PDB file of N, CA and C in Angstrom:
ATOM      1  N   UNK A   1       0.836  -1.174   0.000  1.00  0.00           N
ATOM      2  CA  UNK A   1       0.000   0.000   0.000  1.00  0.00           C
ATOM      3  C   UNK A   1       0.886   1.243   0.000  1.00  0.00           C
ATOM      4  N   UNK A   2       0.544   2.216  -0.744  1.00  0.00           N
ATOM      5  CA  UNK A   2       1.367   3.408  -0.821  1.00  0.00           C
ATOM      6  C   UNK A   2       1.161   4.294   0.396  1.00  0.00           C
ATOM      7  N   UNK A   3       2.195   5.080   0.703  1.00  0.00           N
ATOM      8  CA  UNK A   3       2.149   5.941   1.880  1.00  0.00           C
ATOM      9  C   UNK A   3       1.026   6.968   1.816  1.00  0.00           C
ATOM     10  N   UNK A   4       0.735   7.475   0.649  1.00  0.00           N
ATOM     11  CA  UNK A   4      -0.301   8.488   0.503  1.00  0.00           C
ATOM     12  C   UNK A   4      -1.665   7.921   0.880  1.00  0.00           C
ATOM     13  N   UNK A   5      -1.938   6.719   0.457  1.00  0.00           N
ATOM     14  CA  UNK A   5      -3.213   6.077   0.767  1.00  0.00           C
ATOM     15  C   UNK A   5      -3.305   5.804   2.264  1.00  0.00           C
ATOM     16  N   UNK A   6      -2.223   5.337   2.857  1.00  0.00           N
ATOM     17  CA  UNK A   6      -2.212   5.062   4.293  1.00  0.00           C
ATOM     18  C   UNK A   6      -2.428   6.344   5.089  1.00  0.00           C
ATOM     19  N   UNK A   7      -1.731   7.408   4.721  1.00  0.00           N
ATOM     20  CA  UNK A   7      -1.860   8.687   5.430  1.00  0.00           C
ATOM     21  C   UNK A   7      -3.277   9.237   5.294  1.00  0.00           C
ATOM     22  N   UNK A   8      -3.865   9.133   4.133  1.00  0.00           N
ATOM     23  CA  UNK A   8      -5.242   9.608   3.950  1.00  0.00           C
ATOM     24  C   UNK A   8      -6.228   8.835   4.817  1.00  0.00           C
ATOM     25  N   UNK A   9      -6.011   7.559   4.981  1.00  0.00           N
ATOM     26  CA  UNK A   9      -6.868   6.772   5.862  1.00  0.00           C
ATOM     27  C   UNK A   9      -6.632   7.127   7.333  1.00  0.00           C
ATOM     28  N   UNK A  10      -5.381   7.388   7.692  1.00  0.00           N
ATOM     29  CA  UNK A  10      -5.055   7.714   9.086  1.00  0.00           C
ATOM     30  C   UNK A  10      -5.526   9.105   9.483  1.00  0.00           C
ATOM     31  N   UNK A  11      -5.755   9.985   8.536  1.00  0.00           N
ATOM     32  CA  UNK A  11      -6.253  11.320   8.849  1.00  0.00           C
ATOM     33  C   UNK A  11      -7.652  11.292   9.447  1.00  0.00           C
ATOM     34  N   UNK A  12      -8.350  10.192   9.287  1.00  0.00           N
ATOM     35  CA  UNK A  12      -9.682  10.050   9.875  1.00  0.00           C
ATOM     36  C   UNK A  12      -9.616   9.908  11.398  1.00  0.00           C
ATOM     37  N   UNK A  13      -8.456   9.535  11.909  1.00  0.00           N
ATOM     38  CA  UNK A  13      -8.283   9.305  13.345  1.00  0.00           C
ATOM     39  C   UNK A  13      -7.374  10.381  13.928  1.00  0.00           C
ATOM     40  N   UNK A  14      -7.816  11.113  14.947  1.00  0.00           N
ATOM     41  CA  UNK A  14      -6.943  12.107  15.567  1.00  0.00           C
ATOM     42  C   UNK A  14      -5.714  11.464  16.217  1.00  0.00           C
ATOM     43  N   UNK A  15      -5.928  10.328  16.868  1.00  0.00           N
ATOM     44  CA  UNK A  15      -4.851   9.553  17.480  1.00  0.00           C
ATOM     45  C   UNK A  15      -5.118   8.098  17.136  1.00  0.00           C
ATOM     46  N   UNK A  16      -4.093   7.380  16.702  1.00  0.00           N
ATOM     47  CA  UNK A  16      -4.279   5.982  16.333  1.00  0.00           C
ATOM     48  C   UNK A  16      -3.180   5.137  16.942  1.00  0.00           C
ATOM     49  N   UNK A  17      -3.388   3.826  16.925  1.00  0.00           N
ATOM     50  CA  UNK A  17      -2.396   2.884  17.449  1.00  0.00           C
ATOM     51  C   UNK A  17      -2.101   1.823  16.385  1.00  0.00           C
ATOM     52  N   UNK A  18      -1.297   0.843  16.751  1.00  0.00           N
ATOM     53  CA  UNK A  18      -0.909  -0.197  15.788  1.00  0.00           C
ATOM     54  C   UNK A  18      -2.091  -1.027  15.318  1.00  0.00           C
ATOM     55  N   UNK A  19      -3.059  -1.246  16.182  1.00  0.00           N
ATOM     56  CA  UNK A  19      -4.221  -2.049  15.787  1.00  0.00           C
ATOM     57  C   UNK A  19      -5.007  -1.365  14.669  1.00  0.00           C
ATOM     58  N   UNK A  20      -5.189  -0.073  14.772  1.00  0.00           N
ATOM     59  CA  UNK A  20      -5.904   0.659  13.722  1.00  0.00           C
ATOM     60  C   UNK A  20      -5.120   0.611  12.416  1.00  0.00           C
ATOM     61  N   UNK A  21      -3.821   0.807  12.494  1.00  0.00           N
ATOM     62  CA  UNK A  21      -2.987   0.727  11.297  1.00  0.00           C
ATOM     63  C   UNK A  21      -3.018  -0.675  10.699  1.00  0.00           C
ATOM     64  N   UNK A  22      -2.966  -1.674  11.552  1.00  0.00           N
ATOM     65  CA  UNK A  22      -3.011  -3.064  11.087  1.00  0.00           C
ATOM     66  C   UNK A  22      -4.324  -3.342  10.365  1.00  0.00           C
ATOM     67  N   UNK A  23      -5.434  -2.778  10.853  1.00  0.00           N
ATOM     68  CA  UNK A  23      -6.719  -2.959  10.186  1.00  0.00           C
ATOM     69  C   UNK A  23      -6.771  -2.237   8.836  1.00  0.00           C
ATOM     70  N   UNK A  24      -6.093  -1.111   8.742  1.00  0.00           N
ATOM     71  CA  UNK A  24      -6.095  -0.353   7.482  1.00  0.00           C
ATOM     72  C   UNK A  24      -5.276  -1.066   6.406  1.00  0.00           C
ATOM     73  N   UNK A  25      -4.074  -1.499   6.776  1.00  0.00           N
ATOM     74  CA  UNK A  25      -3.211  -2.108   5.762  1.00  0.00           C
ATOM     75  C   UNK A  25      -3.469  -3.605   5.594  1.00  0.00           C
ATOM     76  N   UNK A  26      -4.229  -4.184   6.503  1.00  0.00           N
ATOM     77  CA  UNK A  26      -4.619  -5.603   6.451  1.00  0.00           C
ATOM     78  C   UNK A  26      -3.410  -6.534   6.394  1.00  0.00           C
ATOM     79  N   UNK A  27      -2.445  -6.252   7.259  1.00  0.00           N
ATOM     80  CA  UNK A  27      -1.244  -7.092   7.379  1.00  0.00           C
ATOM     81  C   UNK A  27      -1.063  -7.477   8.840  1.00  0.00           C
ATOM     82  N   UNK A  28      -0.028  -8.257   9.121  1.00  0.00           N
ATOM     83  CA  UNK A  28       0.218  -8.694  10.494  1.00  0.00           C
ATOM     84  C   UNK A  28       0.908  -7.599  11.319  1.00  0.00           C
ATOM     85  N   UNK A  29       1.119  -7.871  12.598  1.00  0.00           N
ATOM     86  CA  UNK A  29       1.687  -6.884  13.527  1.00  0.00           C
ATOM     87  C   UNK A  29       3.107  -6.488  13.165  1.00  0.00           C
ATOM     88  N   UNK A  30       3.920  -7.444  12.789  1.00  0.00           N
ATOM     89  CA  UNK A  30       5.315  -7.118  12.468  1.00  0.00           C
ATOM     90  C   UNK A  30       5.417  -6.182  11.271  1.00  0.00           C
ATOM     91  N   UNK A  31       4.611  -6.405  10.273  1.00  0.00           N
ATOM     92  CA  UNK A  31       4.639  -5.528   9.111  1.00  0.00           C
ATOM     93  C   UNK A  31       4.107  -4.141   9.456  1.00  0.00           C
ATOM     94  N   UNK A  32       3.082  -4.077  10.291  1.00  0.00           N
ATOM     95  CA  UNK A  32       2.551  -2.767  10.669  1.00  0.00           C
ATOM     96  C   UNK A  32       3.561  -1.990  11.517  1.00  0.00           C
ATOM     97  N   UNK A  33       4.373  -2.670  12.319  1.00  0.00           N
ATOM     98  CA  UNK A  33       5.446  -1.997  13.058  1.00  0.00           C
ATOM     99  C   UNK A  33       6.489  -1.428  12.101  1.00  0.00           C
ATOM    100  N   UNK A  34       6.775  -2.155  11.055  1.00  0.00           N
ATOM    101  CA  UNK A  34       7.714  -1.679  10.042  1.00  0.00           C
ATOM    102  C   UNK A  34       7.154  -0.452   9.315  1.00  0.00           C
ATOM    103  N   UNK A  35       5.875  -0.475   9.003  1.00  0.00           N
ATOM    104  CA  UNK A  35       5.236   0.662   8.343  1.00  0.00           C
ATOM    105  C   UNK A  35       5.277   1.886   9.255  1.00  0.00           C
ATOM    106  N   UNK A  36       5.002   1.708  10.542  1.00  0.00           N
ATOM    107  CA  UNK A  36       5.067   2.818  11.493  1.00  0.00           C
ATOM    108  C   UNK A  36       6.482   3.374  11.555  1.00  0.00           C
ATOM    109  N   UNK A  37       7.454   2.513  11.602  1.00  0.00           N
ATOM    110  CA  UNK A  37       8.850   2.959  11.642  1.00  0.00           C
ATOM    111  C   UNK A  37       9.192   3.802  10.413  1.00  0.00           C
ATOM    112  N   UNK A  38       8.786   3.339   9.246  1.00  0.00           N
ATOM    113  CA  UNK A  38       9.094   4.063   8.012  1.00  0.00           C
ATOM    114  C   UNK A  38       8.344   5.391   7.925  1.00  0.00           C
ATOM    115  N   UNK A  39       7.100   5.416   8.374  1.00  0.00           N
ATOM    116  CA  UNK A  39       6.335   6.658   8.353  1.00  0.00           C
ATOM    117  C   UNK A  39       6.907   7.674   9.335  1.00  0.00           C
ATOM    118  N   UNK A  40       7.351   7.207  10.493  1.00  0.00           N
ATOM    119  CA  UNK A  40       7.992   8.106  11.463  1.00  0.00           C
ATOM    120  C   UNK A  40       9.313   8.636  10.921  1.00  0.00           C
ATOM    121  N   UNK A  41      10.067   7.771  10.279  1.00  0.00           N
ATOM    122  CA  UNK A  41      11.370   8.161   9.724  1.00  0.00           C
ATOM    123  C   UNK A  41      11.206   9.254   8.667  1.00  0.00           C
ATOM    124  N   UNK A  42      10.123   9.200   7.893  1.00  0.00           N
ATOM    125  CA  UNK A  42       9.862  10.194   6.851  1.00  0.00           C
ATOM    126  C   UNK A  42       9.057  11.390   7.366  1.00  0.00           C
ATOM    127  N   UNK A  43       8.835  11.453   8.674  1.00  0.00           N
ATOM    128  CA  UNK A  43       8.068  12.534   9.313  1.00  0.00           C
ATOM    129  C   UNK A  43       6.655  12.665   8.757  1.00  0.00           C
ATOM    130  N   UNK A  44       6.047  11.548   8.424  1.00  0.00           N
ATOM    131  CA  UNK A  44       4.658  11.559   7.973  1.00  0.00           C
ATOM    132  C   UNK A  44       3.695  11.353   9.129  1.00  0.00           C
ATOM    133  N   UNK A  45       4.159  10.687  10.179  1.00  0.00           N
ATOM    134  CA  UNK A  45       3.384  10.547  11.406  1.00  0.00           C
ATOM    135  C   UNK A  45       4.281  10.935  12.575  1.00  0.00           C
ATOM    136  N   UNK A  46       3.664  11.217  13.718  1.00  0.00           N
ATOM    137  CA  UNK A  46       4.392  11.628  14.905  1.00  0.00           C
ATOM    138  C   UNK A  46       3.987  10.740  16.072  1.00  0.00           C
ATOM    139  N   UNK A  47       4.971  10.326  16.848  1.00  0.00           N
ATOM    140  CA  UNK A  47       4.697   9.485  18.010  1.00  0.00           C
ATOM    141  C   UNK A  47       4.392  10.370  19.208  1.00  0.00           C
ATOM    142  N   UNK A  48       3.244  10.171  19.821  1.00  0.00           N
ATOM    143  CA  UNK A  48       2.854  10.936  20.992  1.00  0.00           C
ATOM    144  C   UNK A  48       3.403  10.277  22.242  1.00  0.00           C
ATOM    145  N   UNK A  49       3.106   9.017  22.389  1.00  0.00           N
ATOM    146  CA  UNK A  49       3.642   8.190  23.454  1.00  0.00           C
ATOM    147  C   UNK A  49       3.651   6.764  22.938  1.00  0.00           C
ATOM    148  N   UNK A  50       4.004   5.835  23.783  1.00  0.00           N
ATOM    149  CA  UNK A  50       4.117   4.450  23.329  1.00  0.00           C
ATOM    150  C   UNK A  50       2.792   3.961  22.746  1.00  0.00           C
ATOM    151  N   UNK A  51       2.841   3.503  21.512  1.00  0.00           N
ATOM    152  CA  UNK A  51       1.710   2.957  20.768  1.00  0.00           C
ATOM    153  C   UNK A  51       0.590   3.977  20.531  1.00  0.00           C
ATOM    154  N   UNK A  52       0.914   5.244  20.511  1.00  0.00           N
ATOM    155  CA  UNK A  52      -0.049   6.283  20.147  1.00  0.00           C
ATOM    156  C   UNK A  52       0.631   7.235  19.180  1.00  0.00           C
ATOM    157  N   UNK A  53       0.010   7.374  18.022  1.00  0.00           N
ATOM    158  CA  UNK A  53       0.583   8.166  16.940  1.00  0.00           C
ATOM    159  C   UNK A  53      -0.475   9.111  16.396  1.00  0.00           C
ATOM    160  N   UNK A  54      -0.022  10.113  15.653  1.00  0.00           N
ATOM    161  CA  UNK A  54      -0.944  11.047  15.028  1.00  0.00           C
ATOM    162  C   UNK A  54      -0.366  11.573  13.720  1.00  0.00           C
ATOM    163  N   UNK A  55      -1.272  12.071  12.894  1.00  0.00           N
ATOM    164  CA  UNK A  55      -0.899  12.742  11.656  1.00  0.00           C
ATOM    165  C   UNK A  55      -1.073  14.248  11.838  1.00  0.00           C
ATOM    166  N   UNK A  56      -1.892  14.640  12.790  1.00  0.00           N
ATOM    167  CA  UNK A  56      -2.225  16.048  13.031  1.00  0.00           C
ATOM    168  C   UNK A  56      -1.080  16.789  13.700  1.00  0.00           C
ATOM    169  N   UNK A  57      -1.066  18.106  13.495  1.00  0.00           N
ATOM    170  CA  UNK A  57      -0.097  18.961  14.171  1.00  0.00           C
ATOM    171  C   UNK A  57      -0.779  19.936  15.125  1.00  0.00           C
ATOM    172  N   UNK A  58      -2.092  19.895  15.192  1.00  0.00           N
ATOM    173  CA  UNK A  58      -2.843  20.792  16.071  1.00  0.00           C
ATOM    174  C   UNK A  58      -2.835  20.231  17.492  1.00  0.00           C
ATOM    175  N   UNK A  59      -2.249  20.951  18.454  1.00  0.00           N
ATOM    176  CA  UNK A  59      -2.152  20.421  19.813  1.00  0.00           C
ATOM    177  C   UNK A  59      -3.505  20.243  20.498  1.00  0.00           C
ATOM    178  N   UNK A  60      -4.517  21.018  20.125  1.00  0.00           N
ATOM    179  CA  UNK A  60      -5.828  20.852  20.748  1.00  0.00           C
ATOM    180  C   UNK A  60      -6.498  19.547  20.319  1.00  0.00           C
ATOM    181  N   UNK A  61      -6.349  19.188  19.075  1.00  0.00           N
ATOM    182  CA  UNK A  61      -6.932  17.931  18.592  1.00  0.00           C
ATOM    183  C   UNK A  61      -6.215  16.738  19.211  1.00  0.00           C
ATOM    184  N   UNK A  62      -4.907  16.808  19.252  1.00  0.00           N
ATOM    185  CA  UNK A  62      -4.121  15.699  19.787  1.00  0.00           C
ATOM    186  C   UNK A  62      -4.373  15.522  21.279  1.00  0.00           C
ATOM    187  N   UNK A  63      -4.303  16.603  22.030  1.00  0.00           N
ATOM    188  CA  UNK A  63      -4.360  16.500  23.486  1.00  0.00           C
ATOM    189  C   UNK A  63      -5.702  16.003  23.993  1.00  0.00           C
ATOM    190  N   UNK A  64      -6.765  16.359  23.351  1.00  0.00           N
ATOM    191  CA  UNK A  64      -8.070  15.901  23.829  1.00  0.00           C
ATOM    192  C   UNK A  64      -8.372  14.464  23.436  1.00  0.00           C
ATOM    193  N   UNK A  65      -7.541  13.857  22.617  1.00  0.00           N
ATOM    194  CA  UNK A  65      -7.779  12.479  22.186  1.00  0.00           C
ATOM    195  C   UNK A  65      -6.740  11.485  22.694  1.00  0.00           C
ATOM    196  N   UNK A  66      -5.825  11.922  23.533  1.00  0.00           N
ATOM    197  CA  UNK A  66      -4.819  10.994  24.057  1.00  0.00           C
ATOM    198  C   UNK A  66      -5.447  10.000  25.020  1.00  0.00           C
ATOM    199  N   UNK A  67      -6.294  10.487  25.890  1.00  0.00           N
ATOM    200  CA  UNK A  67      -6.960   9.622  26.863  1.00  0.00           C
ATOM    201  C   UNK A  67      -8.440   9.964  26.861  1.00  0.00           C
ATOM    202  N   UNK A  68      -9.261   8.944  27.077  1.00  0.00           N
ATOM    203  CA  UNK A  68     -10.700   9.169  27.097  1.00  0.00           C
ATOM    204  C   UNK A  68     -11.234   8.778  28.448  1.00  0.00           C
ATOM    205  N   UNK A  69     -12.104   9.473  29.074  1.00  0.00           N
ATOM    206  CA  UNK A  69     -12.678  10.773  28.768  1.00  0.00           C
ATOM    207  C   UNK A  69     -11.755  11.897  29.200  1.00  0.00           C
ATOM    208  N   UNK A  70     -11.713  12.952  28.442  1.00  0.00           N
ATOM    209  CA  UNK A  70     -10.901  14.114  28.781  1.00  0.00           C
ATOM    210  C   UNK A  70     -11.455  15.332  28.052  1.00  0.00           C
ATOM    211  N   UNK A  71     -11.027  16.500  28.510  1.00  0.00           N
ATOM    212  CA  UNK A  71     -11.453  17.728  27.861  1.00  0.00           C
ATOM    213  C   UNK A  71     -10.399  18.814  28.050  1.00  0.00           C
ATOM    214  N   UNK A  72     -10.399  19.766  27.142  1.00  0.00           N
ATOM    215  CA  UNK A  72      -9.504  20.916  27.211  1.00  0.00           C
ATOM    216  C   UNK A  72     -10.048  21.851  28.277  1.00  0.00           C
ATOM    217  N   UNK A  73      -9.175  22.357  29.157  1.00  0.00           N
ATOM    218  CA  UNK A  73      -9.655  23.168  30.272  1.00  0.00           C
ATOM    219  C   UNK A  73      -8.716  24.336  30.536  1.00  0.00           C
ATOM    220  N   UNK A  74      -9.024  25.070  31.577  1.00  0.00           N
ATOM    221  CA  UNK A  74      -8.219  26.173  32.099  1.00  0.00           C
ATOM    222  C   UNK A  74      -7.982  27.243  31.029  1.00  0.00           C
ATOM    223  N   UNK A  75      -6.753  27.760  30.978  1.00  0.00           N
ATOM    224  CA  UNK A  75      -6.440  28.838  30.046  1.00  0.00           C
ATOM    225  C   UNK A  75      -6.576  28.409  28.596  1.00  0.00           C
ATOM    226  N   UNK A  76      -6.336  27.153  28.330  1.00  0.00           N
ATOM    227  CA  UNK A  76      -6.442  26.683  26.942  1.00  0.00           C
ATOM    228  C   UNK A  76      -7.865  26.824  26.418  1.00  0.00           C
ATOM    229  N   UNK A  77      -8.838  26.463  27.249  1.00  0.00           N
ATOM    230  CA  UNK A  77     -10.241  26.583  26.844  1.00  0.00           C
ATOM    231  C   UNK A  77     -10.656  28.048  26.738  1.00  0.00           C
ATOM    232  N   UNK A  78     -10.187  28.873  27.681  1.00  0.00           N
ATOM    233  CA  UNK A  78     -10.510  30.300  27.613  1.00  0.00           C
ATOM    234  C   UNK A  78      -9.959  30.930  26.341  1.00  0.00           C
ATOM    235  N   UNK A  79      -8.751  30.558  25.967  1.00  0.00           N
ATOM    236  CA  UNK A  79      -8.153  31.109  24.749  1.00  0.00           C
ATOM    237  C   UNK A  79      -8.872  30.598  23.501  1.00  0.00           C
ATOM    238  N   UNK A  80      -9.273  29.339  23.511  1.00  0.00           N
ATOM    239  CA  UNK A  80      -9.977  28.770  22.364  1.00  0.00           C
ATOM    240  C   UNK A  80     -11.274  29.530  22.082  1.00  0.00           C
ATOM    241  N   UNK A  81     -11.983  29.903  23.138  1.00  0.00           N
ATOM    242  CA  UNK A  81     -13.245  30.630  22.982  1.00  0.00           C
ATOM    243  C   UNK A  81     -13.054  32.150  22.985  1.00  0.00           C
ATOM    244  N   UNK A  82     -11.798  32.612  22.877  1.00  0.00           N
ATOM    245  CA  UNK A  82     -11.454  34.035  22.823  1.00  0.00           C
ATOM    246  C   UNK A  82     -11.975  34.820  24.025  1.00  0.00           C
ATOM    247  N   UNK A  83     -11.917  34.209  25.202  1.00  0.00           N
ATOM    248  CA  UNK A  83     -12.314  34.889  26.426  1.00  0.00           C
ATOM    249  C   UNK A  83     -11.122  35.523  27.132  1.00  0.00           C
ATOM    250  N   UNK A  84      -9.937  35.346  26.583  1.00  0.00           N
ATOM    251  CA  UNK A  84      -8.741  35.982  27.106  1.00  0.00           C
ATOM    252  C   UNK A  84      -7.821  36.311  25.941  1.00  0.00           C
ATOM    253  N   UNK A  85      -6.979  37.304  26.163  1.00  0.00           N
ATOM    254  CA  UNK A  85      -6.008  37.664  25.126  1.00  0.00           C
ATOM    255  C   UNK A  85      -4.658  37.027  25.381  1.00  0.00           C
ATOM    256  N   UNK A  86      -4.511  36.407  26.539  1.00  0.00           N
ATOM    257  CA  UNK A  86      -3.241  35.765  26.871  1.00  0.00           C
ATOM    258  C   UNK A  86      -3.094  34.470  26.090  1.00  0.00           C
ATOM    259  N   UNK A  87      -1.893  34.219  25.628  1.00  0.00           N
ATOM    260  CA  UNK A  87      -1.615  32.983  24.897  1.00  0.00           C
ATOM    261  C   UNK A  87      -0.961  31.980  25.840  1.00  0.00           C
ATOM    262  N   UNK A  88      -1.635  30.897  26.148  1.00  0.00           N
ATOM    263  CA  UNK A  88      -1.029  29.913  27.049  1.00  0.00           C
ATOM    264  C   UNK A  88       0.118  29.177  26.362  1.00  0.00           C
ATOM    265  N   UNK A  89       1.130  28.835  27.123  1.00  0.00           N
ATOM    266  CA  UNK A  89       2.264  28.083  26.606  1.00  0.00           C
ATOM    267  C   UNK A  89       1.962  26.592  26.559  1.00  0.00           C
ATOM    268  N   UNK A  90       1.011  26.144  27.369  1.00  0.00           N
ATOM    269  CA  UNK A  90       0.670  24.723  27.467  1.00  0.00           C
ATOM    270  C   UNK A  90      -0.810  24.528  27.168  1.00  0.00           C
ATOM    271  N   UNK A  91      -1.152  23.319  26.760  1.00  0.00           N
ATOM    272  CA  UNK A  91      -2.545  22.935  26.596  1.00  0.00           C
ATOM    273  C   UNK A  91      -2.901  22.102  27.818  1.00  0.00           C
ATOM    274  N   UNK A  92      -3.903  22.555  28.555  1.00  0.00           N
ATOM    275  CA  UNK A  92      -4.308  21.871  29.776  1.00  0.00           C
ATOM    276  C   UNK A  92      -5.468  20.935  29.471  1.00  0.00           C
ATOM    277  N   UNK A  93      -5.308  19.674  29.859  1.00  0.00           N
ATOM    278  CA  UNK A  93      -6.315  18.655  29.624  1.00  0.00           C
ATOM    279  C   UNK A  93      -6.649  18.016  30.963  1.00  0.00           C
ATOM    280  N   UNK A  94      -7.930  17.878  31.254  1.00  0.00           N
ATOM    281  CA  UNK A  94      -8.365  17.217  32.475  1.00  0.00           C
ATOM    282  C   UNK A  94      -9.050  15.912  32.125  1.00  0.00           C
ATOM    283  N   UNK A  95      -8.869  14.931  33.012  1.00  0.00           N
ATOM    284  CA  UNK A  95      -9.488  13.624  32.824  1.00  0.00           C
ATOM    285  C   UNK A  95      -9.911  13.073  34.177  1.00  0.00           C
ATOM    286  N   UNK A  96     -10.833  12.143  34.159  1.00  0.00           N
ATOM    287  CA  UNK A  96     -11.278  11.523  35.402  1.00  0.00           C
ATOM    288  C   UNK A  96     -10.437  10.310  35.762  1.00  0.00           C
ATOM    289  N   UNK A  97      -9.632   9.855  34.848  1.00  0.00           N
ATOM    290  CA  UNK A  97      -8.764   8.705  35.109  1.00  0.00           C
ATOM    291  C   UNK A  97      -7.503   9.140  35.836  1.00  0.00           C
ATOM    292  N   UNK A  98      -7.003   8.256  36.670  1.00  0.00           N
ATOM    293  CA  UNK A  98      -5.753   8.582  37.351  1.00  0.00           C
ATOM    294  C   UNK A  98      -4.602   8.347  36.376  1.00  0.00           C
ATOM    295  N   UNK A  99      -3.734   9.319  36.333  1.00  0.00           N
ATOM    296  CA  UNK A  99      -2.615   9.258  35.411  1.00  0.00           C
ATOM    297  C   UNK A  99      -1.529  10.190  35.919  1.00  0.00           C
ATOM    298  N   UNK A 100      -0.311   9.804  35.700  1.00  0.00           N
ATOM    299  CA  UNK A 100       0.792  10.670  36.089  1.00  0.00           C
ATOM    300  C   UNK A 100       0.789  11.919  35.223  1.00  0.00           C
ATOM    301  N   UNK A 101       1.256  13.001  35.813  1.00  0.00           N
ATOM    302  CA  UNK A 101       1.381  14.230  35.043  1.00  0.00           C
ATOM    303  C   UNK A 101       2.404  14.001  33.943  1.00  0.00           C
ATOM    304  N   UNK A 102       2.021  14.291  32.729  1.00  0.00           N
ATOM    305  CA  UNK A 102       2.895  13.999  31.609  1.00  0.00           C
ATOM    306  C   UNK A 102       2.963  15.190  30.678  1.00  0.00           C
ATOM    307  N   UNK A 103       4.142  15.504  30.257  1.00  0.00           N
ATOM    308  CA  UNK A 103       4.345  16.588  29.305  1.00  0.00           C
ATOM    309  C   UNK A 103       4.642  15.990  27.944  1.00  0.00           C
ATOM    310  N   UNK A 104       3.889  16.419  26.952  1.00  0.00           N
ATOM    311  CA  UNK A 104       4.064  15.934  25.587  1.00  0.00           C
ATOM    312  C   UNK A 104       4.403  17.135  24.718  1.00  0.00           C
ATOM    313  N   UNK A 105       5.484  17.050  23.996  1.00  0.00           N
ATOM    314  CA  UNK A 105       5.910  18.146  23.135  1.00  0.00           C
ATOM    315  C   UNK A 105       5.294  17.989  21.755  1.00  0.00           C
ATOM    316  N   UNK A 106       4.727  19.082  21.258  1.00  0.00           N
ATOM    317  CA  UNK A 106       4.136  19.111  19.928  1.00  0.00           C
ATOM    318  C   UNK A 106       5.015  19.987  19.050  1.00  0.00           C
ATOM    319  N   UNK A 107       5.154  19.607  17.823  1.00  0.00           N
ATOM    320  CA  UNK A 107       6.086  20.284  16.916  1.00  0.00           C
ATOM    321  C   UNK A 107       5.631  21.706  16.603  1.00  0.00           C
ATOM    322  N   UNK A 108       4.358  21.915  16.340  1.00  0.00           N
ATOM    323  CA  UNK A 108       3.873  23.213  15.907  1.00  0.00           C
ATOM    324  C   UNK A 108       2.980  23.804  16.981  1.00  0.00           C
ATOM    325  N   UNK A 109       3.261  25.040  17.421  1.00  0.00           N
ATOM    326  CA  UNK A 109       2.473  25.670  18.463  1.00  0.00           C
ATOM    327  C   UNK A 109       1.631  26.821  17.963  1.00  0.00           C
ATOM    328  N   UNK A 110       1.697  27.164  16.717  1.00  0.00           N
ATOM    329  CA  UNK A 110       0.983  28.345  16.236  1.00  0.00           C
ATOM    330  C   UNK A 110      -0.417  28.037  15.739  1.00  0.00           C
ATOM    331  N   UNK A 111      -1.132  27.120  16.399  1.00  0.00           N
ATOM    332  CA  UNK A 111      -2.486  26.801  15.988  1.00  0.00           C
ATOM    333  C   UNK A 111      -3.508  27.706  16.647  1.00  0.00           C
ATOM    334  N   UNK A 112      -3.100  28.536  17.615  1.00  0.00           N
ATOM    335  CA  UNK A 112      -4.025  29.450  18.252  1.00  0.00           C
ATOM    336  C   UNK A 112      -4.281  30.552  17.301  1.00  0.00           C
TER     337      UNK A 112
END
């Protein structure tokens, strides 16, 4: 399968894992790991954390889909709805699940 077709299918998912990729390319796990490696090497996909990848560069889309249930909150939400003129340096996400505080770096920050 060509990379363009794979990327177009992956754009439907804000965050995806190996199982979703395996279902798209209809191959086994080892081959899908190889495809992920090659796509990452060519900067066509970005690794968020272990077994979570994305094609998007918008931090609001990525951050709200890393863990479910979650939502954008605090200054990030205020800025999104133009209720403040301050530009937050971080995207704040709240969830009901227990999880360690984790910082994830996104390549592009000018989506505000």
